[in-house]
C-alpha atoms as a PDB file:
ATOM      1  CA  MET A   1       0.000   0.000   0.000  1.00  0.00           C
ATOM      2  CA  ASP A   2       1.444   3.377  -0.919  1.00  0.00           C
ATOM      3  CA  ILE A   3       2.139   5.911   1.828  1.00  0.00           C
ATOM      4  CA  GLN A   4      -0.517   8.460   0.811  1.00  0.00           C
ATOM      5  CA  ARG A   5      -3.243   5.816   0.692  1.00  0.00           C
ATOM      6  CA  LYS A   6      -2.220   4.425   4.101  1.00  0.00           C
ATOM      7  CA  LYS A   7      -2.155   7.960   5.538  1.00  0.00           C
ATOM      8  CA  GLY A   8      -5.697   8.608   4.301  1.00  0.00           C
ATOM      9  CA  LEU A   9      -6.865   5.236   5.612  1.00  0.00           C
ATOM     10  CA  LEU A  10      -5.367   5.954   9.037  1.00  0.00           C
ATOM     11  CA  ASP A  11      -7.133   9.328   9.144  1.00  0.00           C
ATOM     12  CA  VAL A  12     -10.458   7.609   8.473  1.00  0.00           C
ATOM     13  CA  CYS A  13      -9.745   4.878  11.048  1.00  0.00           C
ATOM     14  CA  VAL A  14      -8.884   7.426  13.752  1.00  0.00           C
ATOM     15  CA  LEU A  15     -12.014   9.450  13.006  1.00  0.00           C
ATOM     16  CA  ALA A  16     -14.124   6.270  13.039  1.00  0.00           C
ATOM     17  CA  VAL A  17     -12.773   5.346  16.490  1.00  0.00           C
ATOM     18  CA  LEU A  18     -13.502   8.843  17.795  1.00  0.00           C
ATOM     19  CA  ARG A  19     -17.064   8.793  16.415  1.00  0.00           C
ATOM     20  CA  ARG A  20     -17.731   6.217  19.161  1.00  0.00           C
ATOM     21  CA  GLY A  21     -16.629   8.736  21.792  1.00  0.00           C
ATOM     22  CA  PRO A  22     -13.639  10.661  23.122  1.00  0.00           C
ATOM     23  CA  SER A  23     -10.454   8.703  23.651  1.00  0.00           C
ATOM     24  CA  TYR A  24      -6.741   9.068  24.385  1.00  0.00           C
ATOM     25  CA  GLY A  25      -3.722   8.172  22.287  1.00  0.00           C
ATOM     26  CA  TYR A  26      -2.786   4.770  23.688  1.00  0.00           C
ATOM     27  CA  LYS A  27      -6.375   3.538  23.520  1.00  0.00           C
ATOM     28  CA  ILE A  28      -6.768   4.851  19.960  1.00  0.00           C
ATOM     29  CA  ILE A  29      -3.630   2.929  18.949  1.00  0.00           C
ATOM     30  CA  GLY A  30      -5.101  -0.259  20.386  1.00  0.00           C
ATOM     31  CA  GLU A  31      -8.390   0.162  18.567  1.00  0.00           C
ATOM     32  CA  VAL A  32      -6.906   1.171  15.216  1.00  0.00           C
ATOM     33  CA  SER A  33      -4.267  -1.585  15.408  1.00  0.00           C
ATOM     34  CA  SER A  34      -7.000  -4.215  15.267  1.00  0.00           C
ATOM     35  CA  CYS A  35      -7.511  -3.148  11.608  1.00  0.00           C
ATOM     36  CA  ILE A  36      -4.179  -1.710  10.495  1.00  0.00           C
ATOM     37  CA  GLU A  37      -0.816  -1.510  12.225  1.00  0.00           C
ATOM     38  CA  VAL A  38      -0.028   1.909  13.684  1.00  0.00           C
ATOM     39  CA  SER A  39       2.677   3.107  16.065  1.00  0.00           C
ATOM     40  CA  GLU A  40       2.822   6.081  18.418  1.00  0.00           C
ATOM     41  CA  SER A  41       5.240   7.834  16.079  1.00  0.00           C
ATOM     42  CA  THR A  42       2.644   7.522  13.314  1.00  0.00           C
ATOM     43  CA  LEU A  43      -0.491   8.268  15.319  1.00  0.00           C
ATOM     44  CA  TYR A  44       0.452  11.491  17.094  1.00  0.00           C
ATOM     45  CA  PRO A  45       1.308  13.450  13.916  1.00  0.00           C
ATOM     46  CA  ILE A  46      -2.045  12.289  12.479  1.00  0.00           C
ATOM     47  CA  LEU A  47      -3.845  13.524  15.593  1.00  0.00           C
ATOM     48  CA  LYS A  48      -2.047  16.879  15.404  1.00  0.00           C
ATOM     49  CA  ARG A  49      -2.897  17.280  11.719  1.00  0.00           C
ATOM     50  CA  LEU A  50      -6.557  16.363  12.256  1.00  0.00           C
ATOM     51  CA  GLU A  51      -6.717  18.854  15.130  1.00  0.00           C
ATOM     52  CA  ALA A  52      -5.094  21.598  13.001  1.00  0.00           C
ATOM     53  CA  ASN A  53      -7.691  20.922  10.293  1.00  0.00           C
ATOM     54  CA  GLY A  54     -10.530  21.326  12.799  1.00  0.00           C
ATOM     55  CA  CYS A  55     -11.534  17.654  12.756  1.00  0.00           C
ATOM     56  CA  LEU A  56     -10.608  17.053  16.397  1.00  0.00           C
ATOM     57  CA  GLU A  57     -10.425  18.988  19.622  1.00  0.00           C
ATOM     58  CA  THR A  58      -8.466  18.100  22.731  1.00  0.00           C
ATOM     59  CA  TYR A  59      -8.933  18.392  26.449  1.00  0.00           C
ATOM     60  CA  SER A  60      -7.097  17.020  29.487  1.00  0.00           C
ATOM     61  CA  VAL A  61      -8.346  14.886  32.364  1.00  0.00           C
ATOM     62  CA  GLU A  62      -6.386  13.949  35.466  1.00  0.00           C
ATOM     63  CA  HIS A  63      -5.734  10.197  35.700  1.00  0.00           C
ATOM     64  CA  ASN A  64      -3.530   8.678  38.427  1.00  0.00           C
ATOM     65  CA  SER A  65      -2.193  12.159  39.334  1.00  0.00           C
ATOM     66  CA  ARG A  66      -1.193  12.840  35.710  1.00  0.00           C
ATOM     67  CA  LEU A  67      -2.952  14.705  32.950  1.00  0.00           C
ATOM     68  CA  ARG A  68      -4.182  12.534  30.097  1.00  0.00           C
ATOM     69  CA  LYS A  69      -4.905  14.229  26.778  1.00  0.00           C
ATOM     70  CA  TYR A  70      -8.217  13.207  25.227  1.00  0.00           C
ATOM     71  CA  TYR A  71      -9.336  13.685  21.641  1.00  0.00           C
ATOM     72  CA  ARG A  72     -12.922  14.356  20.592  1.00  0.00           C
ATOM     73  CA  ILE A  73     -14.265  14.489  17.035  1.00  0.00           C
ATOM     74  CA  THR A  74     -15.849  17.765  15.872  1.00  0.00           C
ATOM     75  CA  GLU A  75     -18.683  18.317  13.412  1.00  0.00           C
ATOM     76  CA  THR A  76     -16.058  18.975  10.735  1.00  0.00           C
ATOM     77  CA  GLY A  77     -14.475  15.611  11.506  1.00  0.00           C
ATOM     78  CA  LYS A  78     -17.837  13.866  11.222  1.00  0.00           C
ATOM     79  CA  GLU A  79     -18.333  15.301   7.738  1.00  0.00           C
END
């Protein structure tokens, strides 16, 4: 599979996971990896790009005395 096609497929997979509800990076990796292999070094740039394009928004929640960054799909991302 060429790189551009895989990149587009990963975008769609991430958005599909987030349509089910907000999630955090490690959990997104686990869910997307059931369909297509993805690493942290691949996922986080995708999340940043989707956020920059208005498809996602982020917020933080404290978990075990640390802040965990969550991602939530926007209306733009649903389109």
